[in-house]
């Protein structure tokens, strides 16, 4: 996919928005995860992985989307913006689009996946032999990640606990985003907690769960 840049008045910002996909959002891997660093890095290249990590951080802070300064981003990643359509940063965006991690939505708007899909068989075969073996081992391991229902229960307990501590709803939702809960789960958790806060006492288990998750993130 070609990114459109006006050579006379070059674009200096992109509007970044989340690219929602219920399947990949549930089964995929955070761009900051060990899976992406280990297995996607040889496919995407380092600048693309670092860009996706930066975009994931931005979407954590602004789940509905944000304006990305291209010059600042290029300088932060150590790549250039000069060269018009062949600028290194724009080639990095193109690579992300080529491998399905993002897609253009108009000339200056970018939809970005919050998670990357597991590698396909063809992509796995492009890895060095040592990483192919590691990826095969990873596929054979039992899944220990929390299910959707478990994540929903944890988010709801945390939201209820914070609401009982007189945190406002916007702050609660932002905190759940920082703890890597999907925006839809965070939003549901706040609405659920608001419905029950006047009637349900927060037990010590919920408070302990909040402290445990906070320690895990730290």
N, C-alpha and C. Protein backbone atom coordinates (compact mmCIF):
# COMPACT_ATOMS: atom_id res chain seq x y z
N UNK A 1 0.84 -1.18 0.00
CA UNK A 1 0.00 0.00 0.00
C UNK A 1 0.88 1.23 0.00
N UNK A 2 0.58 2.19 -0.88
CA UNK A 2 1.38 3.40 -1.00
C UNK A 2 0.81 4.51 -0.14
N UNK A 3 1.66 5.15 0.62
CA UNK A 3 1.25 6.29 1.42
C UNK A 3 1.31 7.53 0.56
N UNK A 4 0.28 8.37 0.62
CA UNK A 4 0.19 9.55 -0.24
C UNK A 4 0.72 10.76 0.49
N UNK A 5 1.80 11.33 -0.04
CA UNK A 5 2.38 12.52 0.55
C UNK A 5 2.47 13.59 -0.52
N UNK A 6 1.94 14.75 -0.24
CA UNK A 6 2.00 15.86 -1.19
C UNK A 6 3.40 16.43 -1.19
N UNK A 7 4.12 16.39 -2.32
CA UNK A 7 5.48 16.86 -2.35
C UNK A 7 5.61 18.36 -2.14
N UNK A 8 4.52 19.14 -2.38
CA UNK A 8 4.59 20.58 -2.18
C UNK A 8 4.31 20.95 -0.73
N UNK A 9 3.25 20.36 -0.17
CA UNK A 9 2.91 20.61 1.22
C UNK A 9 2.89 19.26 1.95
N UNK A 10 4.04 18.76 2.35
CA UNK A 10 4.11 17.42 2.93
C UNK A 10 3.32 17.31 4.24
N UNK A 11 2.71 16.15 4.43
CA UNK A 11 1.98 15.89 5.65
C UNK A 11 2.94 15.77 6.81
N UNK A 12 2.61 16.40 7.92
CA UNK A 12 3.48 16.33 9.10
C UNK A 12 2.82 15.59 10.26
N UNK A 13 1.54 15.24 10.13
CA UNK A 13 0.86 14.48 11.18
C UNK A 13 -0.03 13.41 10.55
N UNK A 14 -0.23 12.34 11.29
CA UNK A 14 -1.21 11.31 10.93
C UNK A 14 -2.22 11.22 12.06
N UNK A 15 -3.47 11.02 11.72
CA UNK A 15 -4.49 10.71 12.71
C UNK A 15 -4.47 9.19 12.91
N UNK A 16 -4.12 8.75 14.11
CA UNK A 16 -4.01 7.33 14.42
C UNK A 16 -5.25 6.88 15.17
N UNK A 17 -5.89 5.82 14.70
CA UNK A 17 -7.07 5.27 15.34
C UNK A 17 -6.90 3.76 15.50
N UNK A 18 -7.56 3.15 16.49
CA UNK A 18 -7.45 1.70 16.66
C UNK A 18 -8.17 0.95 15.56
N UNK A 19 -7.59 -0.14 15.12
CA UNK A 19 -8.20 -1.03 14.12
C UNK A 19 -8.78 -2.21 14.88
N UNK A 20 -10.07 -2.17 15.11
CA UNK A 20 -10.70 -3.21 15.92
C UNK A 20 -10.91 -4.48 15.11
N UNK A 21 -10.61 -5.60 15.74
CA UNK A 21 -10.82 -6.91 15.15
C UNK A 21 -11.04 -7.88 16.31
N UNK A 22 -12.29 -8.30 16.57
CA UNK A 22 -12.57 -9.11 17.75
C UNK A 22 -11.71 -10.36 17.86
N UNK A 23 -11.40 -11.00 16.73
CA UNK A 23 -10.62 -12.24 16.78
C UNK A 23 -9.17 -11.96 17.14
N UNK A 24 -8.52 -11.06 16.40
CA UNK A 24 -7.11 -10.77 16.66
C UNK A 24 -6.93 -10.05 17.98
N UNK A 25 -7.89 -9.19 18.34
CA UNK A 25 -7.80 -8.52 19.64
C UNK A 25 -7.80 -9.53 20.77
N UNK A 26 -8.46 -10.66 20.56
CA UNK A 26 -8.53 -11.68 21.60
C UNK A 26 -7.34 -12.64 21.54
N UNK A 27 -6.92 -13.03 20.34
CA UNK A 27 -5.91 -14.08 20.19
C UNK A 27 -4.51 -13.56 19.86
N UNK A 28 -4.41 -12.29 19.48
CA UNK A 28 -3.13 -11.76 19.03
C UNK A 28 -2.18 -11.40 20.16
N UNK A 29 -1.08 -10.73 19.77
CA UNK A 29 0.00 -10.43 20.70
C UNK A 29 0.27 -8.93 20.73
N UNK A 30 0.40 -8.40 21.92
CA UNK A 30 0.72 -6.99 22.09
C UNK A 30 2.05 -6.68 21.39
N UNK A 31 2.16 -5.55 20.67
CA UNK A 31 3.43 -5.23 20.00
C UNK A 31 4.62 -5.15 20.95
N UNK A 32 4.35 -4.97 22.24
CA UNK A 32 5.44 -4.88 23.23
C UNK A 32 5.74 -6.22 23.88
N UNK A 33 5.11 -7.29 23.38
CA UNK A 33 5.27 -8.61 24.00
C UNK A 33 6.55 -9.30 23.53
N UNK A 34 6.93 -10.33 24.29
CA UNK A 34 8.10 -11.13 23.92
C UNK A 34 7.87 -11.87 22.60
N UNK A 35 6.63 -12.27 22.33
CA UNK A 35 6.33 -12.97 21.07
C UNK A 35 6.67 -12.09 19.88
N UNK A 36 6.22 -10.83 19.91
CA UNK A 36 6.48 -9.93 18.79
C UNK A 36 7.97 -9.64 18.67
N UNK A 37 8.62 -9.40 19.80
CA UNK A 37 10.05 -9.09 19.77
C UNK A 37 10.86 -10.28 19.24
N UNK A 38 10.41 -11.48 19.55
CA UNK A 38 11.17 -12.67 19.15
C UNK A 38 10.84 -13.11 17.72
N UNK A 39 9.55 -13.18 17.38
CA UNK A 39 9.16 -13.81 16.13
C UNK A 39 8.72 -12.82 15.03
N UNK A 40 8.11 -11.72 15.41
CA UNK A 40 7.72 -10.75 14.40
C UNK A 40 8.89 -9.84 13.99
N UNK A 41 9.83 -9.64 14.86
CA UNK A 41 10.95 -8.72 14.58
C UNK A 41 11.68 -9.07 13.29
N UNK A 42 12.03 -10.35 13.04
CA UNK A 42 12.72 -10.66 11.78
C UNK A 42 11.85 -10.44 10.54
N UNK A 43 10.53 -10.45 10.71
CA UNK A 43 9.62 -10.27 9.59
C UNK A 43 9.40 -8.78 9.31
N UNK A 44 9.09 -8.02 10.35
CA UNK A 44 8.77 -6.61 10.20
C UNK A 44 10.00 -5.71 10.14
N UNK A 45 11.06 -6.11 10.84
CA UNK A 45 12.22 -5.24 10.96
C UNK A 45 12.13 -4.39 12.21
N UNK A 46 13.26 -3.95 12.74
CA UNK A 46 13.26 -3.23 14.03
C UNK A 46 12.51 -1.91 14.02
N UNK A 47 12.64 -1.13 12.95
CA UNK A 47 11.96 0.18 12.97
C UNK A 47 10.44 0.02 12.97
N UNK A 48 9.92 -0.99 12.28
CA UNK A 48 8.48 -1.22 12.27
C UNK A 48 7.98 -1.68 13.65
N UNK A 49 8.74 -2.55 14.29
CA UNK A 49 8.34 -3.02 15.62
C UNK A 49 8.35 -1.87 16.62
N UNK A 50 9.39 -1.05 16.56
CA UNK A 50 9.45 0.09 17.48
C UNK A 50 8.33 1.08 17.19
N UNK A 51 8.00 1.28 15.94
CA UNK A 51 6.89 2.17 15.60
C UNK A 51 5.58 1.63 16.17
N UNK A 52 5.32 0.33 16.00
CA UNK A 52 4.08 -0.26 16.51
C UNK A 52 4.02 -0.18 18.03
N UNK A 53 5.16 -0.31 18.69
CA UNK A 53 5.18 -0.17 20.14
C UNK A 53 4.82 1.25 20.55
N UNK A 54 5.37 2.21 19.82
CA UNK A 54 5.07 3.62 20.11
C UNK A 54 3.59 3.89 19.89
N UNK A 55 3.02 3.36 18.82
CA UNK A 55 1.61 3.56 18.54
C UNK A 55 0.74 2.87 19.60
N UNK A 56 1.16 1.70 20.07
CA UNK A 56 0.42 1.01 21.13
C UNK A 56 0.42 1.84 22.42
N UNK A 57 1.54 2.45 22.75
CA UNK A 57 1.60 3.33 23.92
C UNK A 57 0.63 4.50 23.75
N UNK A 58 0.60 5.07 22.53
CA UNK A 58 -0.29 6.19 22.28
C UNK A 58 -1.75 5.81 22.41
N UNK A 59 -2.11 4.60 21.94
CA UNK A 59 -3.50 4.16 22.04
C UNK A 59 -3.87 3.79 23.47
N UNK A 60 -2.87 3.39 24.28
CA UNK A 60 -3.16 3.17 25.70
C UNK A 60 -3.54 4.48 26.37
N UNK A 61 -2.83 5.56 26.00
CA UNK A 61 -3.12 6.87 26.59
C UNK A 61 -4.38 7.48 26.02
N UNK A 62 -4.63 7.25 24.73
CA UNK A 62 -5.80 7.84 24.04
C UNK A 62 -6.49 6.74 23.24
N UNK A 63 -7.32 5.93 23.88
CA UNK A 63 -7.90 4.76 23.21
C UNK A 63 -8.74 5.08 21.98
N UNK A 64 -9.28 6.28 21.90
CA UNK A 64 -10.11 6.63 20.74
C UNK A 64 -9.27 7.11 19.56
N UNK A 65 -7.99 7.39 19.80
CA UNK A 65 -7.13 7.86 18.72
C UNK A 65 -6.37 9.12 19.11
N UNK A 66 -5.37 9.47 18.30
CA UNK A 66 -4.54 10.63 18.61
C UNK A 66 -3.84 11.10 17.34
N UNK A 67 -3.27 12.30 17.41
CA UNK A 67 -2.48 12.86 16.31
C UNK A 67 -1.02 12.49 16.51
N UNK A 68 -0.40 11.91 15.49
CA UNK A 68 0.99 11.50 15.55
C UNK A 68 1.84 12.48 14.76
N UNK A 69 2.78 13.11 15.42
CA UNK A 69 3.71 14.03 14.76
C UNK A 69 4.78 13.19 14.04
N UNK A 70 4.81 13.25 12.73
CA UNK A 70 5.71 12.39 11.96
C UNK A 70 7.17 12.77 12.14
N UNK A 71 7.46 14.06 12.21
CA UNK A 71 8.86 14.48 12.36
C UNK A 71 9.39 14.05 13.73
N UNK A 72 8.60 14.29 14.77
CA UNK A 72 9.01 13.88 16.11
C UNK A 72 9.17 12.37 16.18
N UNK A 73 8.26 11.64 15.55
CA UNK A 73 8.33 10.18 15.56
C UNK A 73 9.58 9.69 14.84
N UNK A 74 9.87 10.27 13.69
CA UNK A 74 11.07 9.88 12.93
C UNK A 74 12.32 10.10 13.75
N UNK A 75 12.41 11.25 14.41
CA UNK A 75 13.58 11.54 15.22
C UNK A 75 13.68 10.61 16.42
N UNK A 76 12.52 10.28 17.02
CA UNK A 76 12.52 9.39 18.19
C UNK A 76 12.96 7.98 17.82
N UNK A 77 12.62 7.55 16.61
CA UNK A 77 12.98 6.19 16.18
C UNK A 77 14.34 6.13 15.50
N UNK A 78 14.95 7.29 15.26
CA UNK A 78 16.26 7.30 14.61
C UNK A 78 16.18 7.05 13.12
N UNK A 79 15.04 7.38 12.49
CA UNK A 79 14.90 7.26 11.04
C UNK A 79 14.57 8.63 10.47
N UNK A 80 14.68 8.80 9.17
CA UNK A 80 14.50 10.10 8.56
C UNK A 80 13.12 10.33 8.01
N UNK A 81 12.81 11.62 7.78
CA UNK A 81 11.57 12.01 7.11
C UNK A 81 11.84 12.65 5.76
N UNK A 82 13.11 12.85 5.44
CA UNK A 82 13.43 13.46 4.16
C UNK A 82 13.34 12.43 3.04
N UNK A 83 13.06 12.93 1.83
CA UNK A 83 12.99 12.03 0.69
C UNK A 83 11.60 11.86 0.14
N UNK A 84 10.64 12.71 0.60
CA UNK A 84 9.28 12.62 0.06
C UNK A 84 8.65 11.28 0.34
N UNK A 85 8.11 10.65 -0.71
CA UNK A 85 7.43 9.37 -0.52
C UNK A 85 8.38 8.24 -0.17
N UNK A 86 9.67 8.44 -0.38
CA UNK A 86 10.66 7.40 -0.05
C UNK A 86 11.32 7.64 1.30
N UNK A 87 10.78 8.55 2.10
CA UNK A 87 11.36 8.81 3.41
C UNK A 87 11.35 7.52 4.24
N UNK A 88 12.42 7.28 5.02
CA UNK A 88 12.49 6.04 5.80
C UNK A 88 11.28 5.80 6.69
N UNK A 89 10.76 6.85 7.35
CA UNK A 89 9.61 6.63 8.22
C UNK A 89 8.40 6.18 7.42
N UNK A 90 8.19 6.76 6.25
CA UNK A 90 7.04 6.36 5.43
C UNK A 90 7.19 4.94 4.92
N UNK A 91 8.42 4.52 4.63
CA UNK A 91 8.64 3.12 4.25
C UNK A 91 8.33 2.20 5.43
N UNK A 92 8.59 2.68 6.64
CA UNK A 92 8.26 1.90 7.84
C UNK A 92 6.75 1.74 7.96
N UNK A 93 6.01 2.81 7.73
CA UNK A 93 4.55 2.72 7.73
C UNK A 93 4.07 1.74 6.65
N UNK A 94 4.66 1.82 5.47
CA UNK A 94 4.27 0.94 4.38
C UNK A 94 4.49 -0.52 4.75
N UNK A 95 5.58 -0.79 5.44
CA UNK A 95 5.87 -2.17 5.84
C UNK A 95 4.83 -2.66 6.85
N UNK A 96 4.45 -1.81 7.79
CA UNK A 96 3.41 -2.19 8.75
C UNK A 96 2.10 -2.51 8.03
N UNK A 97 1.77 -1.70 7.01
CA UNK A 97 0.54 -1.94 6.25
C UNK A 97 0.64 -3.23 5.43
N UNK A 98 1.82 -3.47 4.86
CA UNK A 98 2.01 -4.65 4.01
C UNK A 98 1.78 -5.94 4.77
N UNK A 99 2.15 -5.95 6.05
CA UNK A 99 2.03 -7.16 6.85
C UNK A 99 0.79 -7.16 7.74
N UNK A 100 -0.14 -6.24 7.47
CA UNK A 100 -1.43 -6.28 8.14
C UNK A 100 -1.46 -5.74 9.55
N UNK A 101 -0.41 -5.04 9.98
CA UNK A 101 -0.40 -4.46 11.32
C UNK A 101 -1.10 -3.11 11.35
N UNK A 102 -1.28 -2.51 10.19
CA UNK A 102 -1.95 -1.20 10.08
C UNK A 102 -2.51 -1.09 8.67
N UNK A 103 -3.35 -0.09 8.47
CA UNK A 103 -3.82 0.21 7.11
C UNK A 103 -4.22 1.67 7.03
N UNK A 104 -4.00 2.24 5.85
CA UNK A 104 -4.36 3.64 5.65
C UNK A 104 -5.87 3.78 5.55
N UNK A 105 -6.37 4.87 6.13
CA UNK A 105 -7.80 5.17 6.10
C UNK A 105 -7.92 6.62 5.62
N UNK A 106 -7.70 6.80 4.32
CA UNK A 106 -7.54 8.15 3.78
C UNK A 106 -6.07 8.49 3.70
N UNK A 107 -5.73 9.63 3.12
CA UNK A 107 -4.32 9.96 2.89
C UNK A 107 -3.51 10.26 4.14
N UNK A 108 -4.17 10.70 5.23
CA UNK A 108 -3.42 11.08 6.43
C UNK A 108 -4.01 10.46 7.69
N UNK A 109 -4.73 9.36 7.56
CA UNK A 109 -5.32 8.68 8.70
C UNK A 109 -4.90 7.22 8.68
N UNK A 110 -4.51 6.71 9.83
CA UNK A 110 -3.96 5.36 9.93
C UNK A 110 -4.72 4.55 10.97
N UNK A 111 -5.20 3.37 10.58
CA UNK A 111 -5.79 2.43 11.52
C UNK A 111 -4.72 1.45 11.94
N UNK A 112 -4.57 1.23 13.24
CA UNK A 112 -3.48 0.42 13.77
C UNK A 112 -4.05 -0.69 14.66
N UNK A 113 -3.56 -1.90 14.45
CA UNK A 113 -3.97 -3.02 15.30
C UNK A 113 -3.33 -2.86 16.68
N UNK A 114 -4.12 -3.12 17.71
CA UNK A 114 -3.58 -3.12 19.06
C UNK A 114 -2.83 -4.41 19.35
N UNK A 115 -3.09 -5.46 18.56
CA UNK A 115 -2.40 -6.74 18.70
C UNK A 115 -2.06 -7.28 17.32
N UNK A 116 -0.98 -8.05 17.26
CA UNK A 116 -0.56 -8.67 16.01
C UNK A 116 -0.94 -10.14 16.03
N UNK A 117 -1.39 -10.63 14.89
CA UNK A 117 -1.79 -12.04 14.78
C UNK A 117 -0.57 -12.94 14.93
N UNK A 118 -0.77 -14.18 15.36
CA UNK A 118 0.34 -15.15 15.32
C UNK A 118 0.84 -15.31 13.89
N UNK A 119 2.11 -15.63 13.75
CA UNK A 119 2.68 -15.80 12.41
C UNK A 119 1.98 -16.91 11.64
N UNK A 120 1.83 -16.70 10.36
CA UNK A 120 1.33 -17.76 9.49
C UNK A 120 2.44 -18.79 9.25
N UNK A 121 2.07 -19.92 8.66
CA UNK A 121 3.08 -20.93 8.35
C UNK A 121 4.14 -20.37 7.40
N UNK A 122 3.70 -19.63 6.37
CA UNK A 122 4.65 -19.07 5.41
C UNK A 122 5.60 -18.08 6.08
N UNK A 123 5.08 -17.27 7.00
CA UNK A 123 5.94 -16.33 7.71
C UNK A 123 6.92 -17.06 8.62
N UNK A 124 6.44 -18.11 9.27
CA UNK A 124 7.31 -18.88 10.15
C UNK A 124 8.47 -19.50 9.37
N UNK A 125 8.19 -19.94 8.15
CA UNK A 125 9.25 -20.55 7.33
C UNK A 125 10.32 -19.56 6.90
N UNK A 126 10.04 -18.27 7.01
CA UNK A 126 11.04 -17.25 6.69
C UNK A 126 11.99 -16.99 7.86
N UNK A 127 11.67 -17.51 9.04
CA UNK A 127 12.52 -17.29 10.22
C UNK A 127 13.78 -18.13 10.14
N UNK A 128 14.84 -17.70 10.82
CA UNK A 128 16.02 -18.58 10.93
C UNK A 128 15.62 -19.91 11.56
N UNK A 129 16.38 -20.95 11.28
CA UNK A 129 16.03 -22.28 11.76
C UNK A 129 15.86 -22.32 13.28
N UNK A 130 16.73 -21.60 13.99
CA UNK A 130 16.65 -21.60 15.46
C UNK A 130 15.33 -21.02 15.94
N UNK A 131 14.85 -19.96 15.27
CA UNK A 131 13.58 -19.36 15.68
C UNK A 131 12.40 -20.20 15.24
N UNK A 132 12.54 -20.93 14.12
CA UNK A 132 11.47 -21.84 13.73
C UNK A 132 11.26 -22.91 14.80
N UNK A 133 12.35 -23.41 15.34
CA UNK A 133 12.25 -24.42 16.40
C UNK A 133 11.60 -23.82 17.64
N UNK A 134 12.01 -22.61 18.01
CA UNK A 134 11.43 -21.95 19.18
C UNK A 134 9.94 -21.67 18.97
N UNK A 135 9.58 -21.28 17.75
CA UNK A 135 8.17 -21.00 17.48
C UNK A 135 7.35 -22.28 17.55
N UNK A 136 7.89 -23.36 17.04
CA UNK A 136 7.19 -24.65 17.11
C UNK A 136 7.01 -25.06 18.57
N UNK A 137 8.03 -24.83 19.40
CA UNK A 137 7.92 -25.13 20.83
C UNK A 137 6.85 -24.27 21.46
N UNK A 138 6.82 -23.00 21.09
CA UNK A 138 5.81 -22.09 21.64
C UNK A 138 4.41 -22.57 21.29
N UNK A 139 4.20 -23.04 20.04
CA UNK A 139 2.88 -23.50 19.61
C UNK A 139 2.43 -24.73 20.40
N UNK A 140 3.39 -25.54 20.83
CA UNK A 140 3.06 -26.78 21.54
C UNK A 140 2.79 -26.56 23.01
N UNK A 141 3.16 -25.39 23.53
CA UNK A 141 2.97 -25.13 24.95
C UNK A 141 1.49 -24.90 25.25
N UNK A 142 1.02 -25.37 26.42
CA UNK A 142 -0.38 -25.08 26.79
C UNK A 142 -0.57 -23.60 27.01
N UNK A 143 -1.71 -23.09 26.61
CA UNK A 143 -2.00 -21.67 26.75
C UNK A 143 -2.30 -21.33 28.21
N UNK A 144 -1.59 -20.35 28.74
CA UNK A 144 -1.79 -19.94 30.12
C UNK A 144 -2.39 -18.53 30.21
N UNK A 145 -2.62 -17.89 29.06
CA UNK A 145 -3.17 -16.54 29.11
C UNK A 145 -4.62 -16.57 29.57
N UNK A 146 -5.04 -15.49 30.19
CA UNK A 146 -6.39 -15.42 30.73
C UNK A 146 -7.42 -15.43 29.61
N UNK A 147 -8.53 -16.09 29.85
CA UNK A 147 -9.62 -16.08 28.88
C UNK A 147 -10.32 -14.73 28.91
N UNK A 148 -11.21 -14.51 27.94
CA UNK A 148 -11.97 -13.27 27.92
C UNK A 148 -12.78 -13.12 29.20
N UNK A 149 -13.41 -14.21 29.65
CA UNK A 149 -14.24 -14.14 30.85
C UNK A 149 -13.39 -13.81 32.08
N UNK A 150 -12.17 -14.38 32.16
CA UNK A 150 -11.29 -14.09 33.28
C UNK A 150 -10.85 -12.63 33.27
N UNK A 151 -10.48 -12.12 32.08
CA UNK A 151 -10.08 -10.72 31.97
C UNK A 151 -11.24 -9.80 32.33
N UNK A 152 -12.44 -10.14 31.89
CA UNK A 152 -13.61 -9.33 32.20
C UNK A 152 -13.87 -9.29 33.70
N UNK A 153 -13.76 -10.46 34.35
CA UNK A 153 -13.99 -10.53 35.79
C UNK A 153 -12.95 -9.71 36.55
N UNK A 154 -11.68 -9.81 36.14
CA UNK A 154 -10.63 -9.05 36.80
C UNK A 154 -10.85 -7.56 36.63
N UNK A 155 -11.18 -7.15 35.40
CA UNK A 155 -11.39 -5.72 35.14
C UNK A 155 -12.57 -5.19 35.95
N UNK A 156 -13.64 -5.94 36.03
CA UNK A 156 -14.81 -5.50 36.79
C UNK A 156 -14.49 -5.37 38.28
N UNK A 157 -13.75 -6.33 38.83
CA UNK A 157 -13.39 -6.27 40.25
C UNK A 157 -12.52 -5.06 40.54
N UNK A 158 -11.56 -4.79 39.64
CA UNK A 158 -10.68 -3.64 39.82
C UNK A 158 -11.45 -2.33 39.71
N UNK A 159 -12.34 -2.25 38.73
CA UNK A 159 -13.13 -1.03 38.55
C UNK A 159 -14.01 -0.77 39.77
N UNK A 160 -14.64 -1.81 40.28
CA UNK A 160 -15.49 -1.66 41.46
C UNK A 160 -14.68 -1.20 42.66
N UNK A 161 -13.50 -1.80 42.82
CA UNK A 161 -12.62 -1.41 43.93
C UNK A 161 -12.24 0.06 43.84
N UNK A 162 -11.83 0.51 42.66
CA UNK A 162 -11.42 1.90 42.49
C UNK A 162 -12.59 2.85 42.66
N UNK A 163 -13.78 2.43 42.21
CA UNK A 163 -14.97 3.28 42.36
C UNK A 163 -15.30 3.47 43.83
N UNK A 164 -15.15 2.42 44.63
CA UNK A 164 -15.41 2.52 46.06
C UNK A 164 -14.37 3.40 46.76
N UNK A 165 -13.23 3.59 46.11
CA UNK A 165 -12.20 4.49 46.65
C UNK A 165 -12.36 5.91 46.13
N UNK A 166 -13.53 6.17 45.53
CA UNK A 166 -13.91 7.51 45.06
C UNK A 166 -13.10 7.99 43.86
N UNK A 167 -12.57 7.07 43.06
CA UNK A 167 -11.94 7.46 41.79
C UNK A 167 -13.04 7.79 40.80
N UNK A 168 -12.83 8.81 39.95
CA UNK A 168 -13.85 9.12 38.95
C UNK A 168 -13.76 8.13 37.80
N UNK A 169 -14.85 8.00 37.05
CA UNK A 169 -14.95 6.95 36.04
C UNK A 169 -13.91 7.10 34.93
N UNK A 170 -13.60 8.34 34.53
CA UNK A 170 -12.60 8.54 33.47
C UNK A 170 -11.24 8.06 33.94
N UNK A 171 -10.89 8.35 35.18
CA UNK A 171 -9.60 7.93 35.73
C UNK A 171 -9.53 6.42 35.85
N UNK A 172 -10.65 5.79 36.22
CA UNK A 172 -10.68 4.33 36.33
C UNK A 172 -10.45 3.69 34.97
N UNK A 173 -11.13 4.21 33.95
CA UNK A 173 -10.99 3.63 32.62
C UNK A 173 -9.57 3.81 32.10
N UNK A 174 -8.97 4.98 32.34
CA UNK A 174 -7.58 5.20 31.92
C UNK A 174 -6.64 4.24 32.63
N UNK A 175 -6.87 4.00 33.93
CA UNK A 175 -6.01 3.08 34.67
C UNK A 175 -6.13 1.66 34.13
N UNK A 176 -7.32 1.24 33.79
CA UNK A 176 -7.49 -0.09 33.21
C UNK A 176 -6.77 -0.21 31.87
N UNK A 177 -6.77 0.87 31.08
CA UNK A 177 -6.00 0.86 29.83
C UNK A 177 -4.52 0.69 30.13
N UNK A 178 -4.02 1.39 31.13
CA UNK A 178 -2.60 1.29 31.49
C UNK A 178 -2.25 -0.12 31.95
N UNK A 179 -3.22 -0.80 32.53
CA UNK A 179 -3.00 -2.18 32.96
C UNK A 179 -3.20 -3.17 31.83
N UNK A 180 -3.32 -2.67 30.59
CA UNK A 180 -3.37 -3.49 29.39
C UNK A 180 -4.69 -4.20 29.17
N UNK A 181 -5.77 -3.72 29.82
CA UNK A 181 -7.08 -4.26 29.49
C UNK A 181 -7.56 -3.64 28.19
N UNK A 182 -8.19 -4.44 27.34
CA UNK A 182 -8.73 -3.94 26.08
C UNK A 182 -9.75 -2.84 26.39
N UNK A 183 -9.80 -1.76 25.56
CA UNK A 183 -10.74 -0.67 25.82
C UNK A 183 -12.18 -1.11 26.00
N UNK A 184 -12.62 -2.10 25.22
CA UNK A 184 -14.00 -2.56 25.36
C UNK A 184 -14.24 -3.21 26.72
N UNK A 185 -13.24 -3.97 27.20
CA UNK A 185 -13.36 -4.60 28.51
C UNK A 185 -13.34 -3.53 29.60
N UNK A 186 -12.47 -2.53 29.46
CA UNK A 186 -12.38 -1.45 30.44
C UNK A 186 -13.69 -0.68 30.51
N UNK A 187 -14.26 -0.36 29.36
CA UNK A 187 -15.52 0.39 29.32
C UNK A 187 -16.64 -0.42 29.97
N UNK A 188 -16.72 -1.70 29.63
CA UNK A 188 -17.73 -2.57 30.24
C UNK A 188 -17.56 -2.64 31.75
N UNK A 189 -16.30 -2.72 32.21
CA UNK A 189 -16.03 -2.85 33.64
C UNK A 189 -16.52 -1.62 34.41
N UNK A 190 -16.29 -0.44 33.86
CA UNK A 190 -16.73 0.78 34.53
C UNK A 190 -18.25 0.84 34.60
N UNK A 191 -18.91 0.51 33.48
CA UNK A 191 -20.38 0.53 33.48
C UNK A 191 -20.93 -0.50 34.48
N UNK A 192 -20.31 -1.67 34.52
CA UNK A 192 -20.74 -2.72 35.45
C UNK A 192 -20.57 -2.26 36.89
N UNK A 193 -19.43 -1.64 37.18
CA UNK A 193 -19.16 -1.18 38.55
C UNK A 193 -20.14 -0.08 38.96
N UNK A 194 -20.48 0.81 38.04
CA UNK A 194 -21.43 1.88 38.36
C UNK A 194 -22.80 1.32 38.72
N UNK A 195 -23.19 0.22 38.06
CA UNK A 195 -24.48 -0.39 38.35
C UNK A 195 -24.53 -1.02 39.73
N UNK A 196 -23.37 -1.45 40.23
CA UNK A 196 -23.35 -2.23 41.45
C UNK A 196 -22.74 -1.52 42.65
N UNK A 197 -22.07 -0.43 42.42
CA UNK A 197 -21.37 0.25 43.52
C UNK A 197 -22.26 0.59 44.71
N UNK A 198 -23.50 1.03 44.51
CA UNK A 198 -24.30 1.37 45.68
C UNK A 198 -24.73 0.17 46.51
N UNK A 199 -24.61 -1.04 45.94
CA UNK A 199 -25.19 -2.22 46.61
C UNK A 199 -24.16 -3.26 47.02
N UNK A 200 -22.95 -3.19 46.45
CA UNK A 200 -21.98 -4.27 46.65
C UNK A 200 -20.78 -3.75 47.40
N UNK A 201 -20.42 -4.44 48.47
CA UNK A 201 -19.20 -4.10 49.20
C UNK A 201 -18.00 -4.69 48.49
N UNK A 202 -16.89 -3.97 48.51
CA UNK A 202 -15.67 -4.48 47.90
C UNK A 202 -14.95 -5.31 48.94
N UNK A 203 -14.75 -6.60 48.65
CA UNK A 203 -14.10 -7.45 49.63
C UNK A 203 -12.58 -7.33 49.51
N UNK A 204 -11.89 -7.93 50.47
CA UNK A 204 -10.43 -7.82 50.50
C UNK A 204 -9.80 -8.50 49.29
N UNK A 205 -10.48 -9.52 48.72
CA UNK A 205 -9.93 -10.19 47.55
C UNK A 205 -9.80 -9.27 46.37
N UNK A 206 -10.76 -8.38 46.17
CA UNK A 206 -10.69 -7.45 45.06
C UNK A 206 -9.54 -6.48 45.25
N UNK A 207 -9.35 -6.03 46.50
CA UNK A 207 -8.24 -5.11 46.75
C UNK A 207 -6.89 -5.82 46.55
N UNK A 208 -6.84 -7.08 47.00
CA UNK A 208 -5.62 -7.84 46.80
C UNK A 208 -5.34 -8.05 45.33
N UNK A 209 -6.37 -8.29 44.51
CA UNK A 209 -6.22 -8.48 43.09
C UNK A 209 -5.70 -7.20 42.45
N UNK A 210 -6.20 -6.05 42.89
CA UNK A 210 -5.72 -4.78 42.35
C UNK A 210 -4.23 -4.60 42.62
N UNK A 211 -3.81 -4.90 43.86
CA UNK A 211 -2.40 -4.74 44.20
C UNK A 211 -1.54 -5.73 43.44
N UNK A 212 -2.04 -6.96 43.26
CA UNK A 212 -1.29 -7.98 42.53
C UNK A 212 -1.08 -7.57 41.08
N UNK A 213 -2.14 -7.09 40.44
CA UNK A 213 -2.02 -6.69 39.03
C UNK A 213 -1.11 -5.48 38.90
N UNK A 214 -1.22 -4.54 39.85
CA UNK A 214 -0.36 -3.36 39.82
C UNK A 214 1.10 -3.77 39.93
N UNK A 215 1.39 -4.74 40.81
CA UNK A 215 2.77 -5.21 40.96
C UNK A 215 3.26 -5.91 39.70
N UNK A 216 2.35 -6.68 39.04
CA UNK A 216 2.74 -7.37 37.80
C UNK A 216 3.11 -6.38 36.72
N UNK A 217 2.33 -5.29 36.59
CA UNK A 217 2.59 -4.30 35.55
C UNK A 217 3.89 -3.59 35.84
N UNK A 218 4.12 -3.26 37.13
CA UNK A 218 5.38 -2.59 37.50
C UNK A 218 6.56 -3.48 37.22
